[in-house]
């Protein structure tokens, strides 16, 4: 399937949602695992206690791709090509996050190692007031 056809058919449609309950322990555990000593993220008694800006990167939905997304071929040669996080508002203990997944982009590049296909999986995280708190773009790289 051509890139233009893939983009037209798949980019922009929400295909999955998942719910995550946020606890004080999970926020502190994430800060400790990342080695972040900032008391806003590691001390629940801090007056502005909240999750670190990259906190939402730990969550995954039920599916990585839409049910009928075309296969990418053999697993070897496909790998995580990084994440981009855009923080919008604090995530706090007691929040319930709803994450909505979509394919945000599909593009090709040619580099020293040859032809590469990138698929950007986007998760938008909303709190219980339907306020956007974080957007995480995850890139999958498939070498051809």
N, C-alpha and C. Protein backbone atom coordinates (compact mmCIF):
# COMPACT_ATOMS: atom_id res chain seq x y z
N UNK A 1 0.85 -1.18 0.00
CA UNK A 1 0.00 0.00 0.00
C UNK A 1 0.90 1.24 0.00
N UNK A 2 0.56 2.23 -0.81
CA UNK A 2 1.32 3.47 -0.91
C UNK A 2 1.12 4.34 0.33
N UNK A 3 2.12 5.19 0.62
CA UNK A 3 2.07 6.06 1.80
C UNK A 3 0.84 6.97 1.75
N UNK A 4 0.57 7.57 0.60
CA UNK A 4 -0.59 8.47 0.49
C UNK A 4 -1.89 7.74 0.83
N UNK A 5 -2.01 6.50 0.38
CA UNK A 5 -3.21 5.71 0.67
C UNK A 5 -3.28 5.36 2.15
N UNK A 6 -2.14 4.98 2.73
CA UNK A 6 -2.10 4.69 4.17
C UNK A 6 -2.54 5.91 4.97
N UNK A 7 -1.98 7.07 4.63
CA UNK A 7 -2.31 8.30 5.36
C UNK A 7 -3.79 8.64 5.23
N UNK A 8 -4.30 8.56 4.01
CA UNK A 8 -5.70 8.92 3.79
C UNK A 8 -6.63 8.01 4.58
N UNK A 9 -6.30 6.74 4.62
CA UNK A 9 -7.18 5.77 5.26
C UNK A 9 -7.06 5.75 6.78
N UNK A 10 -5.85 6.00 7.33
CA UNK A 10 -5.62 5.72 8.74
C UNK A 10 -5.35 6.93 9.63
N UNK A 11 -4.81 8.00 9.10
CA UNK A 11 -4.39 9.12 9.96
C UNK A 11 -5.61 9.90 10.47
N UNK A 12 -5.62 10.12 11.80
CA UNK A 12 -6.61 11.00 12.41
C UNK A 12 -7.82 10.36 13.06
N UNK A 13 -8.04 9.08 12.85
CA UNK A 13 -9.22 8.44 13.44
C UNK A 13 -8.87 7.77 14.77
N UNK A 14 -9.66 8.04 15.78
CA UNK A 14 -9.46 7.39 17.08
C UNK A 14 -9.89 5.94 16.98
N UNK A 15 -9.01 5.02 17.41
CA UNK A 15 -9.31 3.59 17.29
C UNK A 15 -9.26 2.85 18.62
N UNK A 16 -8.89 3.54 19.69
CA UNK A 16 -8.78 2.86 20.98
C UNK A 16 -8.92 3.89 22.09
N UNK A 17 -9.41 3.45 23.24
CA UNK A 17 -9.39 4.29 24.43
C UNK A 17 -9.17 3.39 25.64
N UNK A 18 -8.54 3.96 26.64
CA UNK A 18 -8.24 3.23 27.86
C UNK A 18 -8.35 4.20 29.04
N UNK A 19 -8.63 3.64 30.20
CA UNK A 19 -8.79 4.46 31.41
C UNK A 19 -7.72 4.07 32.43
N UNK A 20 -7.16 5.09 33.10
CA UNK A 20 -6.12 4.88 34.09
C UNK A 20 -6.43 5.69 35.34
N UNK A 21 -6.44 5.03 36.49
CA UNK A 21 -6.63 5.69 37.78
C UNK A 21 -5.24 6.08 38.30
N UNK A 22 -5.11 7.31 38.74
CA UNK A 22 -3.81 7.82 39.16
C UNK A 22 -3.73 7.86 40.68
N UNK A 23 -2.70 7.22 41.21
CA UNK A 23 -2.51 7.19 42.66
C UNK A 23 -1.24 7.95 43.03
N UNK A 24 -1.21 8.37 44.26
CA UNK A 24 -0.03 9.02 44.83
C UNK A 24 1.19 8.11 44.69
N UNK A 25 1.00 6.83 44.99
CA UNK A 25 2.11 5.87 44.94
C UNK A 25 2.68 5.74 43.53
N UNK A 26 1.81 5.76 42.55
CA UNK A 26 2.27 5.62 41.16
C UNK A 26 3.07 6.85 40.73
N UNK A 27 2.63 8.03 41.16
CA UNK A 27 3.35 9.27 40.83
C UNK A 27 4.73 9.26 41.46
N UNK A 28 4.80 8.92 42.74
CA UNK A 28 6.08 8.88 43.45
C UNK A 28 6.98 7.79 42.84
N UNK A 29 6.41 6.63 42.56
CA UNK A 29 7.19 5.54 41.96
C UNK A 29 7.79 5.92 40.62
N UNK A 30 7.04 6.64 39.81
CA UNK A 30 7.55 7.08 38.51
C UNK A 30 8.71 8.05 38.70
N UNK A 31 8.56 9.01 39.62
CA UNK A 31 9.63 9.98 39.88
C UNK A 31 10.90 9.27 40.35
N UNK A 32 10.73 8.30 41.24
CA UNK A 32 11.89 7.55 41.74
C UNK A 32 12.55 6.74 40.63
N UNK A 33 11.73 6.08 39.81
CA UNK A 33 12.27 5.26 38.71
C UNK A 33 13.06 6.12 37.72
N UNK A 34 12.63 7.38 37.55
CA UNK A 34 13.31 8.28 36.62
C UNK A 34 14.47 9.02 37.29
N UNK A 35 14.60 8.87 38.59
CA UNK A 35 15.66 9.56 39.32
C UNK A 35 15.40 11.06 39.44
N UNK A 36 14.14 11.45 39.44
CA UNK A 36 13.78 12.86 39.52
C UNK A 36 13.57 13.26 40.98
N UNK A 37 14.47 14.07 41.54
CA UNK A 37 14.37 14.45 42.95
C UNK A 37 13.45 15.65 43.21
N UNK A 38 12.89 16.26 42.18
CA UNK A 38 12.04 17.44 42.37
C UNK A 38 10.89 17.08 43.31
N UNK A 39 10.77 17.79 44.44
CA UNK A 39 9.72 17.45 45.41
C UNK A 39 8.30 17.60 44.87
N UNK A 40 8.09 18.38 43.82
CA UNK A 40 6.75 18.47 43.22
C UNK A 40 6.30 17.11 42.71
N UNK A 41 7.26 16.24 42.32
CA UNK A 41 6.94 14.94 41.74
C UNK A 41 7.22 13.77 42.68
N UNK A 42 7.98 14.02 43.75
CA UNK A 42 8.39 12.90 44.60
C UNK A 42 7.93 13.01 46.05
N UNK A 43 7.38 14.14 46.46
CA UNK A 43 6.96 14.34 47.84
C UNK A 43 5.47 14.69 47.90
N UNK A 44 4.63 13.72 48.30
CA UNK A 44 3.19 13.97 48.34
C UNK A 44 2.76 15.11 49.27
N UNK A 45 3.64 15.55 50.17
CA UNK A 45 3.28 16.67 51.06
C UNK A 45 3.58 18.03 50.42
N UNK A 46 4.23 18.03 49.26
CA UNK A 46 4.52 19.30 48.57
C UNK A 46 3.20 19.95 48.16
N UNK A 47 3.06 21.28 48.34
CA UNK A 47 1.79 21.94 48.04
C UNK A 47 1.36 21.87 46.56
N UNK A 48 2.29 21.61 45.66
CA UNK A 48 1.95 21.49 44.24
C UNK A 48 2.28 20.09 43.72
N UNK A 49 2.06 19.07 44.57
CA UNK A 49 2.38 17.69 44.18
C UNK A 49 1.59 17.30 42.94
N UNK A 50 2.32 16.74 41.96
CA UNK A 50 1.74 16.33 40.69
C UNK A 50 2.68 15.35 40.01
N UNK A 51 2.23 14.74 38.94
CA UNK A 51 3.06 13.82 38.17
C UNK A 51 4.07 14.61 37.34
N UNK A 52 5.22 13.99 37.12
CA UNK A 52 6.24 14.59 36.24
C UNK A 52 5.66 14.75 34.84
N UNK A 53 6.15 15.71 34.07
CA UNK A 53 5.61 15.95 32.73
C UNK A 53 5.62 14.73 31.80
N UNK A 54 6.55 13.81 31.99
CA UNK A 54 6.63 12.63 31.12
C UNK A 54 5.87 11.42 31.68
N UNK A 55 5.12 11.60 32.74
CA UNK A 55 4.41 10.52 33.43
C UNK A 55 3.54 9.67 32.50
N UNK A 56 2.86 10.30 31.58
CA UNK A 56 1.91 9.58 30.71
C UNK A 56 2.59 8.61 29.74
N UNK A 57 3.91 8.69 29.58
CA UNK A 57 4.60 7.78 28.66
C UNK A 57 4.54 6.33 29.11
N UNK A 58 4.23 6.08 30.36
CA UNK A 58 4.19 4.71 30.87
C UNK A 58 2.92 3.95 30.49
N UNK A 59 1.94 4.66 29.99
CA UNK A 59 0.64 4.03 29.70
C UNK A 59 0.52 3.59 28.25
N UNK A 60 -0.16 2.48 28.06
CA UNK A 60 -0.43 1.94 26.73
C UNK A 60 -1.89 1.56 26.66
N UNK A 61 -2.46 1.70 25.47
CA UNK A 61 -3.84 1.33 25.26
C UNK A 61 -3.96 -0.17 25.06
N UNK A 62 -5.11 -0.58 24.57
CA UNK A 62 -5.37 -2.00 24.33
C UNK A 62 -4.78 -2.46 23.00
N UNK A 63 -4.65 -1.53 22.05
CA UNK A 63 -4.13 -1.87 20.73
C UNK A 63 -3.14 -0.80 20.28
N UNK A 64 -2.12 -1.23 19.54
CA UNK A 64 -1.15 -0.29 19.00
C UNK A 64 -1.64 0.30 17.68
N UNK A 65 -2.39 -0.50 16.93
CA UNK A 65 -2.90 -0.09 15.62
C UNK A 65 -4.38 -0.42 15.52
N UNK A 66 -5.08 0.22 14.57
CA UNK A 66 -6.47 -0.16 14.33
C UNK A 66 -6.55 -1.64 13.95
N UNK A 67 -7.70 -2.26 14.22
CA UNK A 67 -7.86 -3.69 13.96
C UNK A 67 -7.48 -4.11 12.56
N UNK A 68 -7.85 -3.33 11.56
CA UNK A 68 -7.60 -3.75 10.18
C UNK A 68 -6.43 -3.02 9.53
N UNK A 69 -5.51 -2.49 10.35
CA UNK A 69 -4.30 -1.84 9.83
C UNK A 69 -3.45 -2.89 9.13
N UNK A 70 -2.86 -2.57 7.97
CA UNK A 70 -2.10 -3.58 7.24
C UNK A 70 -0.86 -4.04 8.01
N UNK A 71 -0.50 -5.32 7.87
CA UNK A 71 0.70 -5.81 8.55
C UNK A 71 1.94 -5.09 8.04
N UNK A 72 2.90 -4.93 8.94
CA UNK A 72 4.13 -4.22 8.58
C UNK A 72 5.24 -5.15 8.13
N UNK A 73 4.97 -6.43 8.06
CA UNK A 73 6.00 -7.36 7.65
C UNK A 73 6.68 -7.98 8.86
N UNK A 74 7.84 -8.59 8.63
CA UNK A 74 8.55 -9.27 9.73
C UNK A 74 8.85 -8.32 10.88
N UNK A 75 8.85 -8.85 12.07
CA UNK A 75 9.10 -8.03 13.26
C UNK A 75 10.51 -7.45 13.28
N UNK A 76 11.49 -8.19 12.77
CA UNK A 76 12.85 -7.66 12.81
C UNK A 76 12.92 -6.43 11.91
N UNK A 77 13.63 -5.43 12.34
CA UNK A 77 13.71 -4.20 11.57
C UNK A 77 12.71 -3.15 12.02
N UNK A 78 11.77 -3.49 12.89
CA UNK A 78 10.82 -2.51 13.41
C UNK A 78 11.17 -2.24 14.87
N UNK A 79 11.26 -0.95 15.23
CA UNK A 79 11.60 -0.65 16.61
C UNK A 79 11.08 0.73 17.01
N UNK A 80 11.10 0.97 18.32
CA UNK A 80 10.67 2.24 18.89
C UNK A 80 11.68 3.31 18.48
N UNK A 81 11.20 4.35 17.82
CA UNK A 81 12.08 5.42 17.35
C UNK A 81 11.93 6.68 18.19
N UNK A 82 11.39 6.56 19.39
CA UNK A 82 11.33 7.68 20.31
C UNK A 82 9.93 8.19 20.59
N UNK A 83 9.87 9.03 21.62
CA UNK A 83 8.60 9.61 22.05
C UNK A 83 8.73 11.12 22.12
N UNK A 84 7.62 11.78 21.93
CA UNK A 84 7.52 13.23 22.11
C UNK A 84 6.34 13.45 23.05
N UNK A 85 6.56 14.21 24.11
CA UNK A 85 5.51 14.47 25.09
C UNK A 85 5.23 15.96 25.12
N UNK A 86 3.95 16.30 25.03
CA UNK A 86 3.54 17.69 25.19
C UNK A 86 2.65 17.74 26.43
N UNK A 87 3.12 18.46 27.45
CA UNK A 87 2.42 18.60 28.72
C UNK A 87 1.44 19.75 28.59
N UNK A 88 0.20 19.55 29.02
CA UNK A 88 -0.82 20.59 28.95
C UNK A 88 -1.31 21.04 30.32
N UNK A 89 -1.42 20.11 31.28
CA UNK A 89 -1.95 20.45 32.60
C UNK A 89 -1.48 19.39 33.59
N UNK A 90 -1.45 19.71 34.88
CA UNK A 90 -0.99 18.74 35.88
C UNK A 90 -1.87 17.49 35.96
N UNK A 91 -1.21 16.38 36.20
CA UNK A 91 -1.88 15.12 36.53
C UNK A 91 -1.67 14.93 38.03
N UNK A 92 -2.76 14.71 38.75
CA UNK A 92 -2.69 14.65 40.21
C UNK A 92 -3.27 13.34 40.74
N UNK A 93 -2.90 12.98 41.98
CA UNK A 93 -3.49 11.77 42.59
C UNK A 93 -5.01 11.89 42.62
N UNK A 94 -5.67 10.79 42.34
CA UNK A 94 -7.13 10.79 42.31
C UNK A 94 -7.70 11.04 40.93
N UNK A 95 -6.88 11.54 40.01
CA UNK A 95 -7.36 11.75 38.65
C UNK A 95 -7.68 10.41 37.98
N UNK A 96 -8.62 10.44 37.09
CA UNK A 96 -8.89 9.32 36.19
C UNK A 96 -8.60 9.84 34.79
N UNK A 97 -7.62 9.22 34.14
CA UNK A 97 -7.25 9.63 32.79
C UNK A 97 -7.92 8.74 31.77
N UNK A 98 -8.43 9.36 30.73
CA UNK A 98 -8.94 8.64 29.57
C UNK A 98 -7.95 8.93 28.45
N UNK A 99 -7.38 7.86 27.90
CA UNK A 99 -6.42 7.99 26.80
C UNK A 99 -7.09 7.55 25.51
N UNK A 100 -6.97 8.38 24.50
CA UNK A 100 -7.53 8.08 23.18
C UNK A 100 -6.38 7.96 22.19
N UNK A 101 -6.37 6.84 21.45
CA UNK A 101 -5.28 6.56 20.51
C UNK A 101 -5.70 6.77 19.07
N UNK A 102 -4.76 7.26 18.30
CA UNK A 102 -4.96 7.40 16.87
C UNK A 102 -3.61 7.31 16.17
N UNK A 103 -3.64 7.04 14.88
CA UNK A 103 -2.43 7.16 14.06
C UNK A 103 -2.36 8.63 13.67
N UNK A 104 -1.29 9.32 14.10
CA UNK A 104 -1.19 10.76 13.87
C UNK A 104 -0.47 11.09 12.57
N UNK A 105 0.42 10.20 12.14
CA UNK A 105 1.15 10.46 10.89
C UNK A 105 1.80 9.18 10.41
N UNK A 106 2.04 9.14 9.12
CA UNK A 106 2.80 8.06 8.48
C UNK A 106 3.68 8.76 7.46
N UNK A 107 4.98 8.52 7.54
CA UNK A 107 5.87 9.18 6.59
C UNK A 107 7.10 8.32 6.32
N UNK A 108 7.79 8.66 5.24
CA UNK A 108 8.99 7.93 4.83
C UNK A 108 10.19 8.85 4.88
N UNK A 109 11.35 8.25 5.09
CA UNK A 109 12.62 8.95 5.00
C UNK A 109 13.63 8.00 4.38
N UNK A 110 14.60 8.58 3.73
CA UNK A 110 15.72 7.79 3.24
C UNK A 110 16.97 8.38 3.85
N UNK A 111 17.76 7.52 4.47
CA UNK A 111 18.98 7.96 5.12
C UNK A 111 20.13 7.06 4.73
N UNK A 112 21.24 7.17 5.46
CA UNK A 112 22.43 6.35 5.19
C UNK A 112 22.13 4.87 5.28
N UNK A 113 21.14 4.52 6.13
CA UNK A 113 20.83 3.10 6.30
C UNK A 113 19.73 2.62 5.35
N UNK A 114 19.27 3.51 4.45
CA UNK A 114 18.26 3.10 3.48
C UNK A 114 16.90 3.71 3.73
N UNK A 115 15.89 3.05 3.16
CA UNK A 115 14.51 3.52 3.22
C UNK A 115 13.89 3.17 4.57
N UNK A 116 13.17 4.14 5.16
CA UNK A 116 12.54 3.93 6.46
C UNK A 116 11.10 4.42 6.43
N UNK A 117 10.22 3.69 7.07
CA UNK A 117 8.82 4.04 7.22
C UNK A 117 8.57 4.35 8.69
N UNK A 118 7.99 5.51 8.97
CA UNK A 118 7.67 5.91 10.34
C UNK A 118 6.16 5.95 10.50
N UNK A 119 5.68 5.40 11.61
CA UNK A 119 4.27 5.48 11.96
C UNK A 119 4.21 6.14 13.34
N UNK A 120 3.44 7.22 13.44
CA UNK A 120 3.32 7.96 14.70
C UNK A 120 1.99 7.58 15.35
N UNK A 121 2.10 6.92 16.50
CA UNK A 121 0.94 6.54 17.31
C UNK A 121 0.78 7.62 18.37
N UNK A 122 -0.37 8.28 18.40
CA UNK A 122 -0.61 9.37 19.35
C UNK A 122 -1.64 8.94 20.39
N UNK A 123 -1.31 9.24 21.66
CA UNK A 123 -2.27 9.06 22.75
C UNK A 123 -2.51 10.43 23.37
N UNK A 124 -3.78 10.82 23.39
CA UNK A 124 -4.17 12.06 24.04
C UNK A 124 -4.82 11.68 25.38
N UNK A 125 -4.36 12.31 26.45
CA UNK A 125 -4.82 11.99 27.81
C UNK A 125 -5.68 13.14 28.33
N UNK A 126 -6.89 12.78 28.77
CA UNK A 126 -7.84 13.73 29.32
C UNK A 126 -8.15 13.34 30.75
N UNK A 127 -8.31 14.33 31.64
CA UNK A 127 -8.70 14.00 33.02
C UNK A 127 -10.21 13.89 33.14
N UNK A 128 -10.69 13.70 34.35
CA UNK A 128 -12.12 13.48 34.58
C UNK A 128 -12.96 14.72 34.27
N UNK A 129 -12.35 15.88 34.12
CA UNK A 129 -13.08 17.08 33.70
C UNK A 129 -13.00 17.27 32.18
N UNK A 130 -12.51 16.25 31.48
CA UNK A 130 -12.33 16.28 30.02
C UNK A 130 -11.33 17.34 29.59
N UNK A 131 -10.37 17.64 30.48
CA UNK A 131 -9.31 18.60 30.19
C UNK A 131 -8.11 17.83 29.62
N UNK A 132 -7.59 18.27 28.49
CA UNK A 132 -6.40 17.66 27.91
C UNK A 132 -5.22 17.92 28.83
N UNK A 133 -4.57 16.85 29.31
CA UNK A 133 -3.44 17.02 30.22
C UNK A 133 -2.10 16.66 29.57
N UNK A 134 -2.11 15.74 28.60
CA UNK A 134 -0.86 15.33 27.97
C UNK A 134 -1.12 14.69 26.61
N UNK A 135 -0.16 14.86 25.71
CA UNK A 135 -0.18 14.19 24.42
C UNK A 135 1.16 13.49 24.26
N UNK A 136 1.11 12.18 23.97
CA UNK A 136 2.33 11.41 23.77
C UNK A 136 2.32 10.85 22.36
N UNK A 137 3.33 11.23 21.58
CA UNK A 137 3.53 10.67 20.24
C UNK A 137 4.65 9.65 20.33
N UNK A 138 4.37 8.44 19.87
CA UNK A 138 5.35 7.36 19.87
C UNK A 138 5.61 6.99 18.41
N UNK A 139 6.88 6.97 18.02
CA UNK A 139 7.24 6.65 16.65
C UNK A 139 7.73 5.22 16.54
N UNK A 140 7.18 4.52 15.58
CA UNK A 140 7.64 3.17 15.23
C UNK A 140 8.36 3.29 13.89
N UNK A 141 9.55 2.77 13.85
CA UNK A 141 10.37 2.80 12.63
C UNK A 141 10.44 1.41 12.04
N UNK A 142 10.12 1.32 10.76
CA UNK A 142 10.20 0.05 10.02
C UNK A 142 11.18 0.26 8.88
N UNK A 143 12.30 -0.44 8.94
CA UNK A 143 13.26 -0.36 7.84
C UNK A 143 12.85 -1.31 6.73
N UNK A 144 13.02 -0.86 5.48
CA UNK A 144 12.69 -1.76 4.37
C UNK A 144 13.94 -2.32 3.76
